[in-house]
């Protein structure tokens, strides 16, 4: 099963996250299938590759709660 999950990047006390499609059996920093977005909670910036995200969702990928909130805020589900 594939999930859309946050992958932590950046330095100490200055985290930024990549939104990735990853197998559920992989750990958080494990190898991802594809990078589909970027989220910076400090600057509140988001970049999303919407066609890739919709493609993974159509194939049955499940977003985590946090990724779901980010996608909902960006109006991907309309």
PDB file of N, CA and C in Angstrom:
ATOM      1  N   UNK A   1       0.842  -1.184   0.000  1.00  0.00           N
ATOM      2  CA  UNK A   1       0.000   0.000   0.000  1.00  0.00           C
ATOM      3  C   UNK A   1       0.889   1.251   0.000  1.00  0.00           C
ATOM      4  N   UNK A   2       0.465   2.239  -0.723  1.00  0.00           N
ATOM      5  CA  UNK A   2       1.219   3.486  -0.850  1.00  0.00           C
ATOM      6  C   UNK A   2       0.521   4.581  -0.048  1.00  0.00           C
ATOM      7  N   UNK A   3       1.326   5.392   0.627  1.00  0.00           N
ATOM      8  CA  UNK A   3       0.793   6.537   1.367  1.00  0.00           C
ATOM      9  C   UNK A   3       1.483   7.804   0.914  1.00  0.00           C
ATOM     10  N   UNK A   4       0.772   8.912   1.018  1.00  0.00           N
ATOM     11  CA  UNK A   4       1.363  10.237   0.845  1.00  0.00           C
ATOM     12  C   UNK A   4       1.725  10.713   2.244  1.00  0.00           C
ATOM     13  N   UNK A   5       3.008  10.934   2.471  1.00  0.00           N
ATOM     14  CA  UNK A   5       3.522  11.146   3.809  1.00  0.00           C
ATOM     15  C   UNK A   5       4.539  12.288   3.801  1.00  0.00           C
ATOM     16  N   UNK A   6       4.770  12.883   4.965  1.00  0.00           N
ATOM     17  CA  UNK A   6       5.797  13.918   5.099  1.00  0.00           C
ATOM     18  C   UNK A   6       7.145  13.272   5.386  1.00  0.00           C
ATOM     19  N   UNK A   7       8.187  13.790   4.752  1.00  0.00           N
ATOM     20  CA  UNK A   7       9.553  13.339   4.974  1.00  0.00           C
ATOM     21  C   UNK A   7      10.349  14.540   5.459  1.00  0.00           C
ATOM     22  N   UNK A   8      10.957  14.428   6.647  1.00  0.00           N
ATOM     23  CA  UNK A   8      11.623  15.570   7.269  1.00  0.00           C
ATOM     24  C   UNK A   8      12.965  15.858   6.608  1.00  0.00           C
ATOM     25  N   UNK A   9      13.202  17.129   6.320  1.00  0.00           N
ATOM     26  CA  UNK A   9      14.475  17.604   5.772  1.00  0.00           C
ATOM     27  C   UNK A   9      14.858  18.849   6.564  1.00  0.00           C
ATOM     28  N   UNK A  10      15.937  19.477   6.171  1.00  0.00           N
ATOM     29  CA  UNK A  10      16.347  20.703   6.840  1.00  0.00           C
ATOM     30  C   UNK A  10      17.293  20.425   7.990  1.00  0.00           C
ATOM     31  N   UNK A  11      17.562  21.450   8.758  1.00  0.00           N
ATOM     32  CA  UNK A  11      18.506  21.293   9.858  1.00  0.00           C
ATOM     33  C   UNK A  11      17.781  21.310  11.198  1.00  0.00           C
ATOM     34  N   UNK A  12      18.559  21.217  12.258  1.00  0.00           N
ATOM     35  CA  UNK A  12      18.017  21.186  13.609  1.00  0.00           C
ATOM     36  C   UNK A  12      17.256  22.483  13.914  1.00  0.00           C
ATOM     37  N   UNK A  13      16.101  22.362  14.498  1.00  0.00           N
ATOM     38  CA  UNK A  13      15.231  23.487  14.860  1.00  0.00           C
ATOM     39  C   UNK A  13      14.727  24.277  13.648  1.00  0.00           C
ATOM     40  N   UNK A  14      14.881  23.752  12.448  1.00  0.00           N
ATOM     41  CA  UNK A  14      14.467  24.467  11.228  1.00  0.00           C
ATOM     42  C   UNK A  14      13.984  23.431  10.207  1.00  0.00           C
ATOM     43  N   UNK A  15      12.981  22.677  10.605  1.00  0.00           N
ATOM     44  CA  UNK A  15      12.520  21.571   9.783  1.00  0.00           C
ATOM     45  C   UNK A  15      11.706  22.061   8.591  1.00  0.00           C
ATOM     46  N   UNK A  16      11.927  21.438   7.455  1.00  0.00           N
ATOM     47  CA  UNK A  16      11.071  21.559   6.285  1.00  0.00           C
ATOM     48  C   UNK A  16      10.732  20.138   5.870  1.00  0.00           C
ATOM     49  N   UNK A  17       9.653  19.977   5.155  1.00  0.00           N
ATOM     50  CA  UNK A  17       9.176  18.645   4.838  1.00  0.00           C
ATOM     51  C   UNK A  17       8.945  18.496   3.346  1.00  0.00           C
ATOM     52  N   UNK A  18       9.257  17.313   2.832  1.00  0.00           N
ATOM     53  CA  UNK A  18       8.872  16.942   1.477  1.00  0.00           C
ATOM     54  C   UNK A  18       7.642  16.070   1.584  1.00  0.00           C
ATOM     55  N   UNK A  19       6.716  16.257   0.679  1.00  0.00           N
ATOM     56  CA  UNK A  19       5.563  15.373   0.602  1.00  0.00           C
ATOM     57  C   UNK A  19       5.924  14.308  -0.422  1.00  0.00           C
ATOM     58  N   UNK A  20       5.930  13.050   0.011  1.00  0.00           N
ATOM     59  CA  UNK A  20       6.388  11.966  -0.846  1.00  0.00           C
ATOM     60  C   UNK A  20       5.355  10.852  -0.886  1.00  0.00           C
ATOM     61  N   UNK A  21       5.377  10.108  -1.979  1.00  0.00           N
ATOM     62  CA  UNK A  21       4.626   8.865  -2.077  1.00  0.00           C
ATOM     63  C   UNK A  21       5.586   7.763  -1.659  1.00  0.00           C
ATOM     64  N   UNK A  22       5.203   6.986  -0.660  1.00  0.00           N
ATOM     65  CA  UNK A  22       6.111   6.003  -0.076  1.00  0.00           C
ATOM     66  C   UNK A  22       5.327   4.766   0.336  1.00  0.00           C
ATOM     67  N   UNK A  23       5.990   3.623   0.298  1.00  0.00           N
ATOM     68  CA  UNK A  23       5.377   2.376   0.737  1.00  0.00           C
ATOM     69  C   UNK A  23       5.188   2.430   2.256  1.00  0.00           C
ATOM     70  N   UNK A  24       4.082   1.897   2.761  1.00  0.00           N
ATOM     71  CA  UNK A  24       3.780   2.003   4.187  1.00  0.00           C
ATOM     72  C   UNK A  24       4.778   1.240   5.048  1.00  0.00           C
ATOM     73  N   UNK A  25       5.456   0.266   4.490  1.00  0.00           N
ATOM     74  CA  UNK A  25       6.403  -0.520   5.281  1.00  0.00           C
ATOM     75  C   UNK A  25       7.741   0.189   5.444  1.00  0.00           C
ATOM     76  N   UNK A  26       7.968   1.268   4.697  1.00  0.00           N
ATOM     77  CA  UNK A  26       9.218   2.021   4.807  1.00  0.00           C
ATOM     78  C   UNK A  26       9.172   2.959   6.003  1.00  0.00           C
ATOM     79  N   UNK A  27      10.337   3.238   6.569  1.00  0.00           N
ATOM     80  CA  UNK A  27      10.382   4.190   7.672  1.00  0.00           C
ATOM     81  C   UNK A  27      10.282   5.617   7.125  1.00  0.00           C
ATOM     82  N   UNK A  28      10.206   6.589   8.023  1.00  0.00           N
ATOM     83  CA  UNK A  28       9.962   7.978   7.615  1.00  0.00           C
ATOM     84  C   UNK A  28      11.031   8.501   6.681  1.00  0.00           C
ATOM     85  N   UNK A  29      12.284   8.194   6.943  1.00  0.00           N
ATOM     86  CA  UNK A  29      13.375   8.679   6.106  1.00  0.00           C
ATOM     87  C   UNK A  29      13.765   7.670   5.035  1.00  0.00           C
ATOM     88  N   UNK A  30      12.939   6.672   4.810  1.00  0.00           N
ATOM     89  CA  UNK A  30      13.264   5.631   3.846  1.00  0.00           C
ATOM     90  C   UNK A  30      13.155   6.103   2.405  1.00  0.00           C
ATOM     91  N   UNK A  31      13.372   5.161   1.499  1.00  0.00           N
ATOM     92  CA  UNK A  31      13.347   5.489   0.074  1.00  0.00           C
ATOM     93  C   UNK A  31      11.910   5.709  -0.392  1.00  0.00           C
ATOM     94  N   UNK A  32      11.691   6.825  -1.073  1.00  0.00           N
ATOM     95  CA  UNK A  32      10.350   7.162  -1.527  1.00  0.00           C
ATOM     96  C   UNK A  32      10.177   6.781  -2.998  1.00  0.00           C
ATOM     97  N   UNK A  33       8.918   6.631  -3.403  1.00  0.00           N
ATOM     98  CA  UNK A  33       8.620   6.331  -4.797  1.00  0.00           C
ATOM     99  C   UNK A  33       8.745   7.577  -5.658  1.00  0.00           C
ATOM    100  N   UNK A  34       8.205   8.691  -5.163  1.00  0.00           N
ATOM    101  CA  UNK A  34       8.270   9.946  -5.904  1.00  0.00           C
ATOM    102  C   UNK A  34       8.047  11.116  -4.955  1.00  0.00           C
ATOM    103  N   UNK A  35       8.740  12.212  -5.200  1.00  0.00           N
ATOM    104  CA  UNK A  35       8.518  13.443  -4.446  1.00  0.00           C
ATOM    105  C   UNK A  35       7.394  14.204  -5.142  1.00  0.00           C
ATOM    106  N   UNK A  36       6.345  14.524  -4.392  1.00  0.00           N
ATOM    107  CA  UNK A  36       5.189  15.179  -5.013  1.00  0.00           C
ATOM    108  C   UNK A  36       4.905  16.557  -4.432  1.00  0.00           C
ATOM    109  N   UNK A  37       5.715  17.020  -3.482  1.00  0.00           N
ATOM    110  CA  UNK A  37       5.456  18.342  -2.944  1.00  0.00           C
ATOM    111  C   UNK A  37       6.472  18.735  -1.899  1.00  0.00           C
ATOM    112  N   UNK A  38       6.268  19.931  -1.347  1.00  0.00           N
ATOM    113  CA  UNK A  38       7.181  20.535  -0.387  1.00  0.00           C
ATOM    114  C   UNK A  38       6.351  21.373   0.569  1.00  0.00           C
ATOM    115  N   UNK A  39       6.700  21.341   1.864  1.00  0.00           N
ATOM    116  CA  UNK A  39       5.964  22.106   2.866  1.00  0.00           C
ATOM    117  C   UNK A  39       6.939  22.690   3.872  1.00  0.00           C
ATOM    118  N   UNK A  40       6.863  24.009   4.067  1.00  0.00           N
ATOM    119  CA  UNK A  40       7.688  24.699   5.055  1.00  0.00           C
ATOM    120  C   UNK A  40       6.744  25.290   6.108  1.00  0.00           C
ATOM    121  N   UNK A  41       6.660  24.683   7.294  1.00  0.00           N
ATOM    122  CA  UNK A  41       5.719  25.175   8.306  1.00  0.00           C
ATOM    123  C   UNK A  41       6.116  26.512   8.923  1.00  0.00           C
ATOM    124  N   UNK A  42       7.391  26.881   8.851  1.00  0.00           N
ATOM    125  CA  UNK A  42       7.831  28.140   9.460  1.00  0.00           C
ATOM    126  C   UNK A  42       7.428  29.326   8.588  1.00  0.00           C
ATOM    127  N   UNK A  43       7.699  29.223   7.279  1.00  0.00           N
ATOM    128  CA  UNK A  43       7.295  30.280   6.348  1.00  0.00           C
ATOM    129  C   UNK A  43       5.881  30.072   5.825  1.00  0.00           C
ATOM    130  N   UNK A  44       5.291  28.941   6.158  1.00  0.00           N
ATOM    131  CA  UNK A  44       3.946  28.564   5.708  1.00  0.00           C
ATOM    132  C   UNK A  44       3.861  28.559   4.183  1.00  0.00           C
ATOM    133  N   UNK A  45       4.876  27.963   3.536  1.00  0.00           N
ATOM    134  CA  UNK A  45       4.901  27.844   2.086  1.00  0.00           C
ATOM    135  C   UNK A  45       4.623  26.403   1.699  1.00  0.00           C
ATOM    136  N   UNK A  46       3.918  26.250   0.595  1.00  0.00           N
ATOM    137  CA  UNK A  46       3.604  24.913   0.099  1.00  0.00           C
ATOM    138  C   UNK A  46       3.764  24.895  -1.408  1.00  0.00           C
ATOM    139  N   UNK A  47       4.429  23.861  -1.911  1.00  0.00           N
ATOM    140  CA  UNK A  47       4.491  23.607  -3.348  1.00  0.00           C
ATOM    141  C   UNK A  47       3.972  22.197  -3.560  1.00  0.00           C
ATOM    142  N   UNK A  48       3.007  22.049  -4.464  1.00  0.00           N
ATOM    143  CA  UNK A  48       2.410  20.744  -4.729  1.00  0.00           C
ATOM    144  C   UNK A  48       2.436  20.448  -6.218  1.00  0.00           C
ATOM    145  N   UNK A  49       2.821  19.221  -6.559  1.00  0.00           N
ATOM    146  CA  UNK A  49       2.723  18.729  -7.924  1.00  0.00           C
ATOM    147  C   UNK A  49       1.353  18.058  -8.034  1.00  0.00           C
ATOM    148  N   UNK A  50       0.328  18.858  -8.318  1.00  0.00           N
ATOM    149  CA  UNK A  50      -1.054  18.398  -8.245  1.00  0.00           C
ATOM    150  C   UNK A  50      -1.352  17.228  -9.203  1.00  0.00           C
ATOM    151  N   UNK A  51      -0.900  17.246 -10.464  1.00  0.00           N
ATOM    152  CA  UNK A  51      -1.180  16.079 -11.317  1.00  0.00           C
ATOM    153  C   UNK A  51      -0.613  14.776 -10.766  1.00  0.00           C
ATOM    154  N   UNK A  52       0.583  14.818 -10.197  1.00  0.00           N
ATOM    155  CA  UNK A  52       1.178  13.603  -9.622  1.00  0.00           C
ATOM    156  C   UNK A  52       0.405  13.153  -8.383  1.00  0.00           C
ATOM    157  N   UNK A  53      -0.029  14.110  -7.562  1.00  0.00           N
ATOM    158  CA  UNK A  53      -0.799  13.767  -6.359  1.00  0.00           C
ATOM    159  C   UNK A  53      -2.120  13.133  -6.742  1.00  0.00           C
ATOM    160  N   UNK A  54      -2.817  13.726  -7.695  1.00  0.00           N
ATOM    161  CA  UNK A  54      -4.100  13.160  -8.124  1.00  0.00           C
ATOM    162  C   UNK A  54      -3.920  11.780  -8.746  1.00  0.00           C
ATOM    163  N   UNK A  55      -2.823  11.582  -9.460  1.00  0.00           N
ATOM    164  CA  UNK A  55      -2.543  10.274 -10.051  1.00  0.00           C
ATOM    165  C   UNK A  55      -2.368   9.216  -8.963  1.00  0.00           C
ATOM    166  N   UNK A  56      -1.613   9.537  -7.913  1.00  0.00           N
ATOM    167  CA  UNK A  56      -1.425   8.584  -6.819  1.00  0.00           C
ATOM    168  C   UNK A  56      -2.731   8.338  -6.068  1.00  0.00           C
ATOM    169  N   UNK A  57      -3.537   9.384  -5.874  1.00  0.00           N
ATOM    170  CA  UNK A  57      -4.808   9.208  -5.181  1.00  0.00           C
ATOM    171  C   UNK A  57      -5.769   8.333  -5.989  1.00  0.00           C
ATOM    172  N   UNK A  58      -5.766   8.479  -7.306  1.00  0.00           N
ATOM    173  CA  UNK A  58      -6.619   7.640  -8.159  1.00  0.00           C
ATOM    174  C   UNK A  58      -6.190   6.181  -8.111  1.00  0.00           C
ATOM    175  N   UNK A  59      -4.899   5.947  -7.921  1.00  0.00           N
ATOM    176  CA  UNK A  59      -4.382   4.576  -7.845  1.00  0.00           C
ATOM    177  C   UNK A  59      -4.577   3.961  -6.469  1.00  0.00           C
ATOM    178  N   UNK A  60      -5.101   4.726  -5.511  1.00  0.00           N
ATOM    179  CA  UNK A  60      -5.418   4.167  -4.206  1.00  0.00           C
ATOM    180  C   UNK A  60      -4.504   4.577  -3.072  1.00  0.00           C
ATOM    181  N   UNK A  61      -3.634   5.538  -3.281  1.00  0.00           N
ATOM    182  CA  UNK A  61      -2.753   5.995  -2.204  1.00  0.00           C
ATOM    183  C   UNK A  61      -3.570   6.724  -1.142  1.00  0.00           C
ATOM    184  N   UNK A  62      -3.188   6.538   0.110  1.00  0.00           N
ATOM    185  CA  UNK A  62      -3.887   7.165   1.222  1.00  0.00           C
ATOM    186  C   UNK A  62      -3.009   8.259   1.824  1.00  0.00           C
ATOM    187  N   UNK A  63      -3.499   9.497   1.917  1.00  0.00           N
ATOM    188  CA  UNK A  63      -2.704  10.540   2.573  1.00  0.00           C
ATOM    189  C   UNK A  63      -2.798  10.405   4.093  1.00  0.00           C
ATOM    190  N   UNK A  64      -1.729  10.773   4.790  1.00  0.00           N
ATOM    191  CA  UNK A  64      -1.787  10.831   6.248  1.00  0.00           C
ATOM    192  C   UNK A  64      -2.654  12.029   6.636  1.00  0.00           C
ATOM    193  N   UNK A  65      -2.970  12.141   7.922  1.00  0.00           N
ATOM    194  CA  UNK A  65      -3.845  13.228   8.373  1.00  0.00           C
ATOM    195  C   UNK A  65      -3.251  14.598   8.066  1.00  0.00           C
ATOM    196  N   UNK A  66      -1.969  14.763   8.323  1.00  0.00           N
ATOM    197  CA  UNK A  66      -1.322  16.056   8.094  1.00  0.00           C
ATOM    198  C   UNK A  66      -1.276  16.398   6.615  1.00  0.00           C
ATOM    199  N   UNK A  67      -0.935  15.426   5.784  1.00  0.00           N
ATOM    200  CA  UNK A  67      -0.900  15.663   4.340  1.00  0.00           C
ATOM    201  C   UNK A  67      -2.305  15.940   3.824  1.00  0.00           C
ATOM    202  N   UNK A  68      -3.299  15.249   4.367  1.00  0.00           N
ATOM    203  CA  UNK A  68      -4.690  15.508   3.975  1.00  0.00           C
ATOM    204  C   UNK A  68      -5.075  16.956   4.282  1.00  0.00           C
ATOM    205  N   UNK A  69      -4.686  17.455   5.457  1.00  0.00           N
ATOM    206  CA  UNK A  69      -4.984  18.849   5.822  1.00  0.00           C
ATOM    207  C   UNK A  69      -4.288  19.835   4.886  1.00  0.00           C
ATOM    208  N   UNK A  70      -3.038  19.545   4.507  1.00  0.00           N
ATOM    209  CA  UNK A  70      -2.303  20.412   3.580  1.00  0.00           C
ATOM    210  C   UNK A  70      -2.986  20.418   2.215  1.00  0.00           C
ATOM    211  N   UNK A  71      -3.386  19.251   1.730  1.00  0.00           N
ATOM    212  CA  UNK A  71      -4.049  19.165   0.429  1.00  0.00           C
ATOM    213  C   UNK A  71      -5.418  19.846   0.459  1.00  0.00           C
ATOM    214  N   UNK A  72      -6.115  19.703   1.579  1.00  0.00           N
ATOM    215  CA  UNK A  72      -7.433  20.331   1.717  1.00  0.00           C
ATOM    216  C   UNK A  72      -7.305  21.849   1.727  1.00  0.00           C
ATOM    217  N   UNK A  73      -6.260  22.358   2.417  1.00  0.00           N
ATOM    218  CA  UNK A  73      -6.021  23.805   2.467  1.00  0.00           C
ATOM    219  C   UNK A  73      -5.670  24.349   1.086  1.00  0.00           C
ATOM    220  N   UNK A  74      -5.007  23.522   0.268  1.00  0.00           N
ATOM    221  CA  UNK A  74      -4.617  23.941  -1.086  1.00  0.00           C
ATOM    222  C   UNK A  74      -5.724  23.671  -2.102  1.00  0.00           C
ATOM    223  N   UNK A  75      -6.868  23.189  -1.651  1.00  0.00           N
ATOM    224  CA  UNK A  75      -8.052  22.928  -2.485  1.00  0.00           C
ATOM    225  C   UNK A  75      -7.774  21.934  -3.615  1.00  0.00           C
ATOM    226  N   UNK A  76      -7.052  20.863  -3.290  1.00  0.00           N
ATOM    227  CA  UNK A  76      -6.760  19.822  -4.279  1.00  0.00           C
ATOM    228  C   UNK A  76      -7.976  18.950  -4.516  1.00  0.00           C
ATOM    229  N   UNK A  77      -8.847  18.797  -3.521  1.00  0.00           N
ATOM    230  CA  UNK A  77      -9.966  17.869  -3.613  1.00  0.00           C
ATOM    231  C   UNK A  77     -11.200  18.449  -4.291  1.00  0.00           C
ATOM    232  N   UNK A  78     -11.112  19.661  -4.824  1.00  0.00           N
ATOM    233  CA  UNK A  78     -12.283  20.246  -5.503  1.00  0.00           C
ATOM    234  C   UNK A  78     -12.417  19.765  -6.910  1.00  0.00           C
TER     235      UNK A  78
END
